[in-house]
Amino acid sequence: MGIKHLDYLSFKKAFLLYFDRAGSVTEALQKEIELIRANHNTKRTNLKPTEGFKSIITGYKLLGLIEGEGCFYVQKASLTPRFELELTSAQKPLLTLIKDYLLSKLASLYTTDTGNPLLVSKGGIKLRDTKAKYENGKGGVRLEITGVEFLHRYFNTYLKDLKFYSNKEIDFKEFCFICETLYKKAHIDKPEVKQLLLDRIGGMNKARLSTYKTTK
């Protein structure tokens, strides 16, 4: 959907140059492939899409990206849920398209005579520029979806209609349970419910895959 298609095309070109060669690897072939490598992945400087390329976003293309790069996150101290999808800064046009796509899809879930319910729902979708995580690294851009009501009534409802193909579904189901509980305020003045949420949060994402067990 984004500029990654440029890296695929350069990868394909280098692959065919190497495996479709008539004879042994020549110095000229090595130089040609090295020129491709010099403008590939993180070294890429030419970000202009190929002629005729168009980013077409669909539900399952987006879900594939979410399963690979998305994060269903809940801040423990404040019990604040948030969805994050972070890419390199060069992919900002793609995340902008995804934001517009989601707003359109989510608005269609609850069309009313009084207007767009997303405009009055707490929370929403924002793009935020991020700093480089490592020295000499490049910054990124993050799509953030916040707000218990916005997540529970709109974003989570939309994703529930799609079939996950990875273990990310486990985190999504936990995220949905937490958002619904917070939306219904079932944790208010009920320490046992709040503790249940904290326990569920503690088993999400990387913690779910960890073999480390705390000792009491």
N, C-alpha and C. Protein backbone atom coordinates (compact mmCIF):
# COMPACT_ATOMS: atom_id res chain seq x y z
N MET A 1 0.83 -1.21 0.00
CA MET A 1 0.00 0.00 0.00
C MET A 1 0.86 1.26 0.00
N GLY A 2 2.10 1.17 0.45
CA GLY A 2 2.94 2.36 0.57
C GLY A 2 4.23 2.23 -0.21
N ILE A 3 5.26 2.96 0.22
CA ILE A 3 6.52 2.99 -0.52
C ILE A 3 7.29 1.67 -0.42
N LYS A 4 6.83 0.76 0.41
CA LYS A 4 7.46 -0.56 0.47
C LYS A 4 7.43 -1.24 -0.91
N HIS A 5 6.47 -0.83 -1.74
CA HIS A 5 6.42 -1.44 -3.08
C HIS A 5 7.67 -1.12 -3.88
N LEU A 6 8.33 0.01 -3.57
CA LEU A 6 9.58 0.37 -4.25
C LEU A 6 10.68 -0.61 -3.87
N ASP A 7 10.72 -1.00 -2.58
CA ASP A 7 11.73 -1.96 -2.14
C ASP A 7 11.46 -3.34 -2.74
N TYR A 8 10.18 -3.68 -2.88
CA TYR A 8 9.87 -4.96 -3.51
C TYR A 8 10.35 -4.98 -4.96
N LEU A 9 10.12 -3.88 -5.68
CA LEU A 9 10.52 -3.83 -7.09
C LEU A 9 12.04 -3.90 -7.25
N SER A 10 12.78 -3.23 -6.34
CA SER A 10 14.23 -3.29 -6.44
C SER A 10 14.74 -4.68 -6.04
N PHE A 11 14.09 -5.28 -5.05
CA PHE A 11 14.44 -6.66 -4.67
C PHE A 11 14.21 -7.61 -5.84
N LYS A 12 13.07 -7.45 -6.50
CA LYS A 12 12.74 -8.30 -7.64
C LYS A 12 13.76 -8.11 -8.76
N LYS A 13 14.14 -6.86 -9.00
CA LYS A 13 15.09 -6.58 -10.07
C LYS A 13 16.44 -7.25 -9.79
N ALA A 14 16.92 -7.13 -8.54
CA ALA A 14 18.20 -7.74 -8.18
C ALA A 14 18.11 -9.26 -8.24
N PHE A 15 16.99 -9.80 -7.81
CA PHE A 15 16.78 -11.25 -7.83
C PHE A 15 16.88 -11.79 -9.26
N LEU A 16 16.18 -11.12 -10.18
CA LEU A 16 16.17 -11.59 -11.56
C LEU A 16 17.53 -11.40 -12.23
N LEU A 17 18.22 -10.31 -11.89
CA LEU A 17 19.56 -10.09 -12.45
C LEU A 17 20.49 -11.24 -12.06
N TYR A 18 20.36 -11.69 -10.81
CA TYR A 18 21.26 -12.74 -10.32
C TYR A 18 20.88 -14.12 -10.86
N PHE A 19 19.60 -14.48 -10.74
CA PHE A 19 19.20 -15.85 -11.07
C PHE A 19 18.91 -16.06 -12.56
N ASP A 20 18.72 -15.00 -13.31
CA ASP A 20 18.49 -15.15 -14.75
C ASP A 20 19.74 -14.89 -15.58
N ARG A 21 20.88 -14.79 -14.88
CA ARG A 21 22.12 -14.53 -15.62
C ARG A 21 22.47 -15.73 -16.49
N ALA A 22 23.17 -15.46 -17.56
CA ALA A 22 23.51 -16.52 -18.52
C ALA A 22 24.68 -17.36 -18.05
N GLY A 23 25.61 -16.74 -17.34
CA GLY A 23 26.81 -17.48 -16.93
C GLY A 23 27.18 -17.20 -15.49
N SER A 24 28.46 -17.08 -15.22
CA SER A 24 28.94 -16.84 -13.87
C SER A 24 28.71 -15.38 -13.48
N VAL A 25 28.86 -15.09 -12.18
CA VAL A 25 28.68 -13.73 -11.69
C VAL A 25 29.87 -12.88 -12.11
N THR A 26 29.57 -11.82 -12.82
CA THR A 26 30.63 -10.95 -13.32
C THR A 26 30.77 -9.73 -12.42
N GLU A 27 31.86 -9.03 -12.57
CA GLU A 27 32.08 -7.80 -11.80
C GLU A 27 31.03 -6.75 -12.16
N ALA A 28 30.64 -6.70 -13.42
CA ALA A 28 29.62 -5.75 -13.87
C ALA A 28 28.28 -6.04 -13.20
N LEU A 29 27.93 -7.33 -13.06
CA LEU A 29 26.68 -7.70 -12.41
C LEU A 29 26.71 -7.33 -10.94
N GLN A 30 27.86 -7.57 -10.29
CA GLN A 30 28.00 -7.22 -8.89
C GLN A 30 27.78 -5.72 -8.68
N LYS A 31 28.37 -4.92 -9.56
CA LYS A 31 28.24 -3.47 -9.44
C LYS A 31 26.78 -3.04 -9.64
N GLU A 32 26.09 -3.68 -10.59
CA GLU A 32 24.70 -3.33 -10.86
C GLU A 32 23.81 -3.64 -9.65
N ILE A 33 24.06 -4.78 -9.02
CA ILE A 33 23.28 -5.15 -7.85
C ILE A 33 23.62 -4.25 -6.66
N GLU A 34 24.89 -3.87 -6.54
CA GLU A 34 25.29 -2.98 -5.45
C GLU A 34 24.64 -1.60 -5.60
N LEU A 35 24.45 -1.16 -6.83
CA LEU A 35 23.75 0.11 -7.05
C LEU A 35 22.31 0.03 -6.56
N ILE A 36 21.69 -1.14 -6.75
CA ILE A 36 20.33 -1.33 -6.25
C ILE A 36 20.33 -1.32 -4.72
N ARG A 37 21.28 -2.01 -4.13
CA ARG A 37 21.38 -2.08 -2.66
C ARG A 37 21.60 -0.70 -2.04
N ALA A 38 22.27 0.17 -2.78
CA ALA A 38 22.60 1.49 -2.26
C ALA A 38 21.36 2.38 -2.12
N ASN A 39 20.26 2.00 -2.77
CA ASN A 39 19.02 2.78 -2.68
C ASN A 39 17.87 1.83 -2.34
N HIS A 40 18.07 1.09 -1.24
CA HIS A 40 17.11 0.04 -0.88
C HIS A 40 16.85 0.10 0.62
N ASN A 41 15.59 -0.16 1.00
CA ASN A 41 15.17 -0.18 2.41
C ASN A 41 15.55 1.14 3.10
N THR A 42 16.29 1.07 4.21
CA THR A 42 16.60 2.28 4.98
C THR A 42 17.54 3.23 4.24
N LYS A 43 18.21 2.74 3.21
CA LYS A 43 19.12 3.59 2.43
C LYS A 43 18.41 4.33 1.29
N ARG A 44 17.13 4.05 1.15
CA ARG A 44 16.39 4.61 0.01
C ARG A 44 16.28 6.13 0.11
N THR A 45 16.61 6.81 -0.98
CA THR A 45 16.47 8.27 -1.07
C THR A 45 15.41 8.65 -2.10
N ASN A 46 15.22 7.79 -3.07
CA ASN A 46 14.19 8.04 -4.09
C ASN A 46 12.86 7.47 -3.60
N LEU A 47 11.94 8.32 -3.19
CA LEU A 47 10.67 7.89 -2.63
C LEU A 47 9.50 8.14 -3.59
N LYS A 48 9.80 8.49 -4.82
CA LYS A 48 8.75 8.77 -5.78
C LYS A 48 8.09 7.47 -6.23
N PRO A 49 6.77 7.35 -6.10
CA PRO A 49 6.07 6.12 -6.52
C PRO A 49 6.25 5.90 -8.02
N THR A 50 6.17 4.65 -8.43
CA THR A 50 6.25 4.34 -9.85
C THR A 50 5.01 4.85 -10.56
N GLU A 51 5.14 5.07 -11.85
CA GLU A 51 4.02 5.60 -12.63
C GLU A 51 2.83 4.65 -12.59
N GLY A 52 1.67 5.20 -12.29
CA GLY A 52 0.46 4.40 -12.23
C GLY A 52 0.19 3.76 -10.88
N PHE A 53 1.13 3.89 -9.92
CA PHE A 53 0.92 3.28 -8.62
C PHE A 53 -0.14 4.04 -7.84
N LYS A 54 -1.01 3.32 -7.16
CA LYS A 54 -2.05 3.94 -6.34
C LYS A 54 -2.24 3.12 -5.07
N SER A 55 -2.27 3.79 -3.95
CA SER A 55 -2.49 3.10 -2.68
C SER A 55 -3.97 2.76 -2.55
N ILE A 56 -4.27 1.48 -2.56
CA ILE A 56 -5.64 1.02 -2.40
C ILE A 56 -5.76 0.30 -1.07
N ILE A 57 -6.51 0.87 -0.16
CA ILE A 57 -6.64 0.31 1.18
C ILE A 57 -7.93 -0.51 1.27
N THR A 58 -7.81 -1.71 1.78
CA THR A 58 -8.97 -2.56 2.05
C THR A 58 -8.90 -3.01 3.50
N GLY A 59 -9.99 -3.58 3.98
CA GLY A 59 -10.02 -4.02 5.36
C GLY A 59 -8.94 -5.04 5.67
N TYR A 60 -8.75 -6.01 4.78
CA TYR A 60 -7.78 -7.06 5.07
C TYR A 60 -6.34 -6.64 4.80
N LYS A 61 -6.13 -5.70 3.90
CA LYS A 61 -4.78 -5.14 3.76
C LYS A 61 -4.39 -4.41 5.03
N LEU A 62 -5.34 -3.63 5.56
CA LEU A 62 -5.10 -2.90 6.80
C LEU A 62 -4.89 -3.87 7.96
N LEU A 63 -5.70 -4.91 8.02
CA LEU A 63 -5.56 -5.89 9.10
C LEU A 63 -4.19 -6.56 9.05
N GLY A 64 -3.72 -6.87 7.84
CA GLY A 64 -2.39 -7.45 7.71
C GLY A 64 -1.32 -6.54 8.27
N LEU A 65 -1.46 -5.24 8.01
CA LEU A 65 -0.50 -4.27 8.53
C LEU A 65 -0.60 -4.18 10.05
N ILE A 66 -1.83 -4.23 10.57
CA ILE A 66 -2.05 -4.17 12.01
C ILE A 66 -1.44 -5.40 12.69
N GLU A 67 -1.62 -6.58 12.08
CA GLU A 67 -1.07 -7.80 12.67
C GLU A 67 0.45 -7.77 12.70
N GLY A 68 1.06 -7.08 11.74
CA GLY A 68 2.51 -7.00 11.70
C GLY A 68 3.10 -5.87 12.52
N GLU A 69 2.44 -4.71 12.50
CA GLU A 69 3.03 -3.50 13.08
C GLU A 69 2.18 -2.83 14.16
N GLY A 70 0.92 -3.23 14.31
CA GLY A 70 0.03 -2.56 15.26
C GLY A 70 0.23 -3.02 16.69
N CYS A 71 -0.27 -2.22 17.64
CA CYS A 71 -0.16 -2.56 19.05
C CYS A 71 -1.42 -2.13 19.79
N PHE A 72 -2.06 -3.09 20.46
CA PHE A 72 -3.20 -2.80 21.33
C PHE A 72 -2.64 -2.62 22.74
N TYR A 73 -2.61 -1.37 23.19
CA TYR A 73 -1.87 -1.03 24.41
C TYR A 73 -2.82 -0.44 25.45
N VAL A 74 -2.58 -0.80 26.72
CA VAL A 74 -3.35 -0.22 27.82
C VAL A 74 -2.38 0.24 28.90
N GLN A 75 -2.42 1.52 29.22
CA GLN A 75 -1.56 2.08 30.26
C GLN A 75 -2.10 1.66 31.62
N LYS A 76 -1.27 1.00 32.41
CA LYS A 76 -1.73 0.41 33.66
C LYS A 76 -2.17 1.44 34.70
N ALA A 77 -1.34 2.44 34.93
CA ALA A 77 -1.60 3.38 36.02
C ALA A 77 -2.95 4.08 35.89
N SER A 78 -3.29 4.48 34.67
CA SER A 78 -4.53 5.22 34.44
C SER A 78 -5.61 4.39 33.77
N LEU A 79 -5.29 3.13 33.46
CA LEU A 79 -6.21 2.26 32.72
C LEU A 79 -6.71 2.96 31.45
N THR A 80 -5.73 3.42 30.67
CA THR A 80 -6.04 4.15 29.43
C THR A 80 -5.69 3.29 28.22
N PRO A 81 -6.69 2.87 27.45
CA PRO A 81 -6.41 2.06 26.26
C PRO A 81 -6.03 2.92 25.06
N ARG A 82 -5.20 2.35 24.19
CA ARG A 82 -4.78 3.08 23.00
C ARG A 82 -4.29 2.08 21.95
N PHE A 83 -4.67 2.33 20.71
CA PHE A 83 -4.14 1.54 19.60
C PHE A 83 -3.07 2.36 18.91
N GLU A 84 -1.95 1.72 18.55
CA GLU A 84 -0.85 2.41 17.88
C GLU A 84 -0.41 1.65 16.64
N LEU A 85 -0.09 2.40 15.61
CA LEU A 85 0.47 1.84 14.38
C LEU A 85 1.57 2.79 13.93
N GLU A 86 2.82 2.39 14.11
CA GLU A 86 3.94 3.29 13.82
C GLU A 86 4.76 2.78 12.65
N LEU A 87 5.05 3.69 11.71
CA LEU A 87 5.86 3.40 10.54
C LEU A 87 6.94 4.47 10.41
N THR A 88 7.79 4.33 9.41
CA THR A 88 8.81 5.35 9.18
C THR A 88 8.15 6.63 8.69
N SER A 89 8.84 7.73 8.87
CA SER A 89 8.28 9.03 8.49
C SER A 89 7.95 9.09 7.01
N ALA A 90 8.68 8.32 6.20
CA ALA A 90 8.42 8.31 4.75
C ALA A 90 7.05 7.72 4.44
N GLN A 91 6.47 6.98 5.39
CA GLN A 91 5.17 6.35 5.17
C GLN A 91 4.01 7.21 5.69
N LYS A 92 4.29 8.47 6.00
CA LYS A 92 3.22 9.34 6.52
C LYS A 92 2.05 9.48 5.54
N PRO A 93 2.29 9.61 4.23
CA PRO A 93 1.15 9.67 3.30
C PRO A 93 0.25 8.44 3.40
N LEU A 94 0.85 7.26 3.62
CA LEU A 94 0.05 6.04 3.75
C LEU A 94 -0.79 6.08 5.02
N LEU A 95 -0.19 6.51 6.14
CA LEU A 95 -0.94 6.57 7.39
C LEU A 95 -2.04 7.63 7.32
N THR A 96 -1.82 8.68 6.56
CA THR A 96 -2.87 9.69 6.36
C THR A 96 -4.06 9.08 5.62
N LEU A 97 -3.76 8.27 4.59
CA LEU A 97 -4.82 7.59 3.86
C LEU A 97 -5.56 6.59 4.75
N ILE A 98 -4.81 5.89 5.59
CA ILE A 98 -5.43 4.93 6.51
C ILE A 98 -6.33 5.64 7.50
N LYS A 99 -5.89 6.78 7.99
CA LYS A 99 -6.71 7.57 8.92
C LYS A 99 -8.03 7.95 8.26
N ASP A 100 -7.96 8.47 7.04
CA ASP A 100 -9.18 8.87 6.32
C ASP A 100 -10.07 7.66 6.03
N TYR A 101 -9.44 6.54 5.68
CA TYR A 101 -10.19 5.31 5.40
C TYR A 101 -10.95 4.86 6.64
N LEU A 102 -10.28 4.85 7.78
CA LEU A 102 -10.92 4.41 9.02
C LEU A 102 -12.05 5.34 9.43
N LEU A 103 -11.83 6.64 9.32
CA LEU A 103 -12.88 7.59 9.69
C LEU A 103 -14.13 7.37 8.85
N SER A 104 -13.92 7.08 7.58
CA SER A 104 -15.06 6.83 6.69
C SER A 104 -15.78 5.54 7.07
N LYS A 105 -15.01 4.48 7.33
CA LYS A 105 -15.60 3.20 7.68
C LYS A 105 -16.30 3.25 9.04
N LEU A 106 -15.68 3.90 10.00
CA LEU A 106 -16.25 3.94 11.35
C LEU A 106 -17.51 4.80 11.38
N ALA A 107 -17.52 5.88 10.61
CA ALA A 107 -18.70 6.74 10.57
C ALA A 107 -19.90 6.00 10.00
N SER A 108 -19.64 5.10 9.05
CA SER A 108 -20.74 4.37 8.41
C SER A 108 -21.37 3.35 9.34
N LEU A 109 -20.69 3.01 10.44
CA LEU A 109 -21.25 2.05 11.39
C LEU A 109 -22.46 2.61 12.13
N TYR A 110 -22.39 3.91 12.40
CA TYR A 110 -23.45 4.54 13.19
C TYR A 110 -23.90 5.84 12.53
N THR A 111 -24.50 5.75 11.39
CA THR A 111 -25.03 6.92 10.71
C THR A 111 -26.36 7.31 11.34
N THR A 112 -26.46 8.56 11.75
CA THR A 112 -27.69 9.03 12.38
C THR A 112 -28.17 10.30 11.70
N ASP A 113 -29.41 10.68 11.99
CA ASP A 113 -29.98 11.89 11.41
C ASP A 113 -29.36 13.14 12.01
N THR A 114 -28.70 12.98 13.15
CA THR A 114 -28.14 14.14 13.84
C THR A 114 -26.71 14.45 13.39
N GLY A 115 -26.19 13.66 12.46
CA GLY A 115 -24.86 13.94 11.95
C GLY A 115 -23.89 12.81 12.26
N ASN A 116 -22.62 13.10 12.14
CA ASN A 116 -21.57 12.11 12.34
C ASN A 116 -21.32 11.91 13.83
N PRO A 117 -21.61 10.73 14.39
CA PRO A 117 -21.42 10.52 15.82
C PRO A 117 -19.97 10.54 16.24
N LEU A 118 -19.05 10.33 15.29
CA LEU A 118 -17.64 10.35 15.64
C LEU A 118 -17.19 11.72 16.13
N LEU A 119 -17.89 12.76 15.68
CA LEU A 119 -17.50 14.12 16.04
C LEU A 119 -17.80 14.44 17.50
N VAL A 120 -18.73 13.70 18.10
CA VAL A 120 -19.09 13.97 19.49
C VAL A 120 -18.55 12.90 20.43
N SER A 121 -17.98 11.84 19.88
CA SER A 121 -17.42 10.78 20.70
C SER A 121 -16.06 11.21 21.24
N LYS A 122 -15.81 10.91 22.51
CA LYS A 122 -14.52 11.24 23.10
C LYS A 122 -13.44 10.35 22.51
N GLY A 123 -12.31 10.96 22.19
CA GLY A 123 -11.23 10.23 21.56
C GLY A 123 -11.25 10.42 20.05
N GLY A 124 -10.43 9.67 19.35
CA GLY A 124 -10.38 9.79 17.91
C GLY A 124 -9.07 9.27 17.36
N ILE A 125 -8.78 9.64 16.12
CA ILE A 125 -7.59 9.17 15.41
C ILE A 125 -6.68 10.36 15.13
N LYS A 126 -5.42 10.22 15.52
CA LYS A 126 -4.45 11.29 15.29
C LYS A 126 -3.16 10.70 14.72
N LEU A 127 -2.43 11.54 14.01
CA LEU A 127 -1.08 11.20 13.55
C LEU A 127 -0.09 12.01 14.36
N ARG A 128 0.96 11.33 14.82
CA ARG A 128 1.95 12.01 15.65
C ARG A 128 3.36 11.66 15.15
N ASP A 129 4.17 12.69 14.90
CA ASP A 129 5.56 12.46 14.51
C ASP A 129 6.35 11.99 15.73
N THR A 130 7.23 11.02 15.52
CA THR A 130 8.02 10.48 16.62
C THR A 130 9.52 10.65 16.34
N LYS A 131 10.29 10.73 17.41
CA LYS A 131 11.73 10.89 17.28
C LYS A 131 12.39 9.54 17.01
N ALA A 132 13.60 9.61 16.48
CA ALA A 132 14.35 8.38 16.22
C ALA A 132 14.63 7.67 17.54
N LYS A 133 14.48 6.36 17.54
CA LYS A 133 14.69 5.57 18.76
C LYS A 133 16.16 5.27 19.01
N TYR A 134 16.96 5.33 17.96
CA TYR A 134 18.37 5.00 18.09
C TYR A 134 19.22 6.13 17.51
N GLU A 135 20.46 6.22 17.97
CA GLU A 135 21.38 7.23 17.47
C GLU A 135 21.60 7.03 15.97
N ASN A 136 21.54 8.11 15.24
CA ASN A 136 21.67 8.10 13.78
C ASN A 136 20.50 7.43 13.09
N GLY A 137 19.44 7.16 13.85
CA GLY A 137 18.25 6.57 13.27
C GLY A 137 17.34 7.64 12.68
N LYS A 138 16.26 7.20 12.08
CA LYS A 138 15.30 8.10 11.47
C LYS A 138 14.03 8.15 12.31
N GLY A 139 13.38 9.29 12.28
CA GLY A 139 12.12 9.44 12.99
C GLY A 139 11.01 8.67 12.30
N GLY A 140 9.87 8.63 12.96
CA GLY A 140 8.75 7.91 12.40
C GLY A 140 7.47 8.70 12.52
N VAL A 141 6.38 8.07 12.22
CA VAL A 141 5.06 8.68 12.38
C VAL A 141 4.14 7.59 12.93
N ARG A 142 3.31 8.00 13.90
CA ARG A 142 2.46 7.03 14.59
C ARG A 142 1.00 7.41 14.45
N LEU A 143 0.19 6.45 14.06
CA LEU A 143 -1.26 6.61 14.06
C LEU A 143 -1.76 6.14 15.41
N GLU A 144 -2.45 7.03 16.13
CA GLU A 144 -2.94 6.71 17.47
C GLU A 144 -4.46 6.80 17.50
N ILE A 145 -5.10 5.80 18.08
CA ILE A 145 -6.55 5.82 18.27
C ILE A 145 -6.81 5.74 19.77
N THR A 146 -7.48 6.74 20.31
CA THR A 146 -7.68 6.85 21.75
C THR A 146 -9.15 7.07 22.07
N GLY A 147 -9.45 7.00 23.36
CA GLY A 147 -10.81 7.24 23.84
C GLY A 147 -11.55 5.92 24.02
N VAL A 148 -11.97 5.64 25.25
CA VAL A 148 -12.65 4.37 25.53
C VAL A 148 -13.89 4.20 24.65
N GLU A 149 -14.71 5.25 24.56
CA GLU A 149 -15.93 5.16 23.76
C GLU A 149 -15.62 4.97 22.28
N PHE A 150 -14.67 5.73 21.78
CA PHE A 150 -14.30 5.66 20.36
C PHE A 150 -13.78 4.26 20.03
N LEU A 151 -12.93 3.74 20.89
CA LEU A 151 -12.37 2.41 20.65
C LEU A 151 -13.44 1.32 20.74
N HIS A 152 -14.21 1.35 21.81
CA HIS A 152 -15.20 0.30 22.05
C HIS A 152 -16.32 0.31 21.01
N ARG A 153 -16.91 1.45 20.76
CA ARG A 153 -18.09 1.52 19.90
C ARG A 153 -17.76 1.51 18.41
N TYR A 154 -16.57 1.99 18.05
CA TYR A 154 -16.28 2.16 16.63
C TYR A 154 -15.12 1.28 16.15
N PHE A 155 -13.91 1.55 16.61
CA PHE A 155 -12.74 0.86 16.08
C PHE A 155 -12.80 -0.64 16.36
N ASN A 156 -13.06 -1.03 17.60
CA ASN A 156 -13.11 -2.45 17.94
C ASN A 156 -14.24 -3.15 17.20
N THR A 157 -15.38 -2.47 17.09
CA THR A 157 -16.53 -3.04 16.37
C THR A 157 -16.18 -3.31 14.91
N TYR A 158 -15.45 -2.39 14.29
CA TYR A 158 -15.05 -2.56 12.90
C TYR A 158 -14.11 -3.76 12.75
N LEU A 159 -13.12 -3.89 13.63
CA LEU A 159 -12.15 -4.97 13.51
C LEU A 159 -12.76 -6.34 13.81
N LYS A 160 -13.81 -6.37 14.63
CA LYS A 160 -14.44 -7.65 14.97
C LYS A 160 -15.03 -8.35 13.75
N ASP A 161 -15.33 -7.60 12.71
CA ASP A 161 -15.90 -8.19 11.50
C ASP A 161 -14.84 -8.79 10.58
N LEU A 162 -13.56 -8.64 10.96
CA LEU A 162 -12.47 -9.18 10.15
C LEU A 162 -11.84 -10.38 10.86
N LYS A 163 -11.35 -11.33 10.09
CA LYS A 163 -10.73 -12.53 10.66
C LYS A 163 -9.23 -12.34 10.78
N PHE A 164 -8.72 -12.42 11.99
CA PHE A 164 -7.28 -12.35 12.22
C PHE A 164 -6.63 -13.66 11.79
N TYR A 165 -5.36 -13.58 11.38
CA TYR A 165 -4.63 -14.76 10.97
C TYR A 165 -3.37 -14.98 11.79
N SER A 166 -3.23 -14.28 12.90
CA SER A 166 -2.06 -14.44 13.75
C SER A 166 -2.49 -14.37 15.21
N ASN A 167 -1.51 -14.55 16.11
CA ASN A 167 -1.80 -14.48 17.55
C ASN A 167 -2.13 -13.07 18.01
N LYS A 168 -2.03 -12.11 17.12
CA LYS A 168 -2.43 -10.74 17.47
C LYS A 168 -3.91 -10.72 17.88
N GLU A 169 -4.66 -11.71 17.41
CA GLU A 169 -6.07 -11.79 17.77
C GLU A 169 -6.26 -11.94 19.27
N ILE A 170 -5.33 -12.63 19.94
CA ILE A 170 -5.42 -12.81 21.38
C ILE A 170 -5.35 -11.47 22.09
N ASP A 171 -4.41 -10.64 21.68
CA ASP A 171 -4.28 -9.30 22.27
C ASP A 171 -5.50 -8.45 21.96
N PHE A 172 -6.03 -8.60 20.73
CA PHE A 172 -7.21 -7.81 20.35
C PHE A 172 -8.41 -8.19 21.22
N LYS A 173 -8.62 -9.47 21.46
CA LYS A 173 -9.75 -9.90 22.29
C LYS A 173 -9.61 -9.39 23.72
N GLU A 174 -8.41 -9.43 24.25
CA GLU A 174 -8.17 -8.89 25.59
C GLU A 174 -8.44 -7.38 25.60
N PHE A 175 -7.99 -6.72 24.56
CA PHE A 175 -8.17 -5.27 24.42
C PHE A 175 -9.66 -4.94 24.38
N CYS A 176 -10.43 -5.71 23.63
CA CYS A 176 -11.88 -5.49 23.54
C CYS A 176 -12.54 -5.67 24.89
N PHE A 177 -12.15 -6.71 25.62
CA PHE A 177 -12.72 -6.97 26.95
C PHE A 177 -12.43 -5.79 27.88
N ILE A 178 -11.20 -5.31 27.86
CA ILE A 178 -10.81 -4.20 28.73
C ILE A 178 -11.56 -2.93 28.35
N CYS A 179 -11.64 -2.63 27.05
CA CYS A 179 -12.34 -1.42 26.60
C CYS A 179 -13.82 -1.47 26.97
N GLU A 180 -14.45 -2.63 26.80
CA GLU A 180 -15.87 -2.76 27.12
C GLU A 180 -16.10 -2.59 28.62
N THR A 181 -15.22 -3.17 29.44
CA THR A 181 -15.34 -3.05 30.89
C THR A 181 -15.18 -1.60 31.33
N LEU A 182 -14.21 -0.92 30.73
CA LEU A 182 -14.00 0.49 31.07
C LEU A 182 -15.17 1.35 30.58
N TYR A 183 -15.70 1.03 29.41
CA TYR A 183 -16.82 1.79 28.85
C TYR A 183 -18.06 1.67 29.74
N LYS A 184 -18.29 0.48 30.27
CA LYS A 184 -19.43 0.26 31.15
C LYS A 184 -19.17 0.69 32.59
N LYS A 185 -17.92 1.15 32.84
CA LYS A 185 -17.50 1.63 34.17
C LYS A 185 -17.67 0.56 35.24
N ALA A 186 -17.48 -0.69 34.84
CA ALA A 186 -17.64 -1.80 35.78
C ALA A 186 -16.54 -1.83 36.83
N HIS A 187 -15.45 -1.10 36.58
CA HIS A 187 -14.33 -1.10 37.51
C HIS A 187 -14.45 -0.04 38.59
N ILE A 188 -15.41 0.87 38.43
CA ILE A 188 -15.57 1.97 39.38
C ILE A 188 -16.01 1.41 40.74
N ASP A 189 -15.24 1.73 41.77
CA ASP A 189 -15.54 1.31 43.15
C ASP A 189 -15.58 -0.21 43.32
N LYS A 190 -14.95 -0.91 42.39
CA LYS A 190 -14.89 -2.37 42.51
C LYS A 190 -13.44 -2.82 42.34
N PRO A 191 -12.70 -2.90 43.45
CA PRO A 191 -11.27 -3.25 43.39
C PRO A 191 -11.01 -4.57 42.68
N GLU A 192 -11.92 -5.55 42.85
CA GLU A 192 -11.70 -6.85 42.23
C GLU A 192 -11.77 -6.78 40.71
N VAL A 193 -12.64 -5.89 40.18
CA VAL A 193 -12.73 -5.72 38.73
C VAL A 193 -11.49 -4.99 38.21
N LYS A 194 -11.07 -3.98 38.94
CA LYS A 194 -9.86 -3.25 38.55
C LYS A 194 -8.65 -4.18 38.54
N GLN A 195 -8.55 -5.04 39.53
CA GLN A 195 -7.43 -5.98 39.59
C GLN A 195 -7.49 -6.96 38.43
N LEU A 196 -8.71 -7.39 38.07
CA LEU A 196 -8.88 -8.28 36.93
C LEU A 196 -8.34 -7.62 35.66
N LEU A 197 -8.66 -6.34 35.48
CA LEU A 197 -8.17 -5.62 34.30
C LEU A 197 -6.65 -5.53 34.31
N LEU A 198 -6.08 -5.24 35.46
CA LEU A 198 -4.62 -5.15 35.57
C LEU A 198 -3.96 -6.49 35.24
N ASP A 199 -4.59 -7.57 35.70
CA ASP A 199 -4.05 -8.90 35.41
C ASP A 199 -4.12 -9.19 33.91
N ARG A 200 -5.21 -8.80 33.29
CA ARG A 200 -5.36 -9.03 31.84
C ARG A 200 -4.34 -8.20 31.06
N ILE A 201 -4.15 -6.95 31.50
CA ILE A 201 -3.17 -6.08 30.83
C ILE A 201 -1.77 -6.68 30.94
N GLY A 202 -1.48 -7.26 32.11
CA GLY A 202 -0.15 -7.83 32.34
C GLY A 202 0.15 -9.05 31.50
N GLY A 203 -0.84 -9.59 30.81
CA GLY A 203 -0.62 -10.75 29.97
C GLY A 203 -0.73 -10.47 28.50
N MET A 204 -0.67 -9.18 28.14
CA MET A 204 -0.81 -8.80 26.73
C MET A 204 0.53 -8.54 26.07
N ASN A 205 0.51 -8.53 24.74
CA ASN A 205 1.66 -8.15 23.92
C ASN A 205 2.90 -8.97 24.26
N LYS A 206 4.02 -8.32 24.51
CA LYS A 206 5.27 -9.04 24.75
C LYS A 206 5.20 -9.91 26.00
N ALA A 207 4.44 -9.44 27.01
CA ALA A 207 4.32 -10.21 28.25
C ALA A 207 3.65 -11.55 28.01
N ARG A 208 2.75 -11.61 27.02
CA ARG A 208 2.05 -12.86 26.71
C ARG A 208 3.01 -13.89 26.15
N LEU A 209 4.05 -13.43 25.48
CA LEU A 209 5.00 -14.34 24.84
C LEU A 209 6.19 -14.67 25.74
N SER A 210 6.27 -14.02 26.89
CA SER A 210 7.40 -14.20 27.77
C SER A 210 7.25 -15.48 28.60
N THR A 211 8.38 -16.14 28.90
CA THR A 211 8.37 -17.32 29.76
C THR A 211 8.72 -16.93 31.19
N TYR A 212 8.97 -15.64 31.42
CA TYR A 212 9.36 -15.18 32.76
C TYR A 212 8.15 -15.21 33.70
N LYS A 213 8.34 -15.77 34.88
CA LYS A 213 7.29 -15.80 35.89
C LYS A 213 7.77 -15.09 37.15
N THR A 214 6.96 -14.16 37.63
CA THR A 214 7.34 -13.46 38.85
C THR A 214 7.16 -14.39 40.05
N THR A 215 7.96 -14.17 41.06
CA THR A 215 7.83 -14.96 42.29
C THR A 215 7.14 -14.13 43.33
N LYS A 216 6.31 -14.78 44.12
CA LYS A 216 5.58 -14.09 45.17
C LYS A 216 6.34 -14.17 46.49
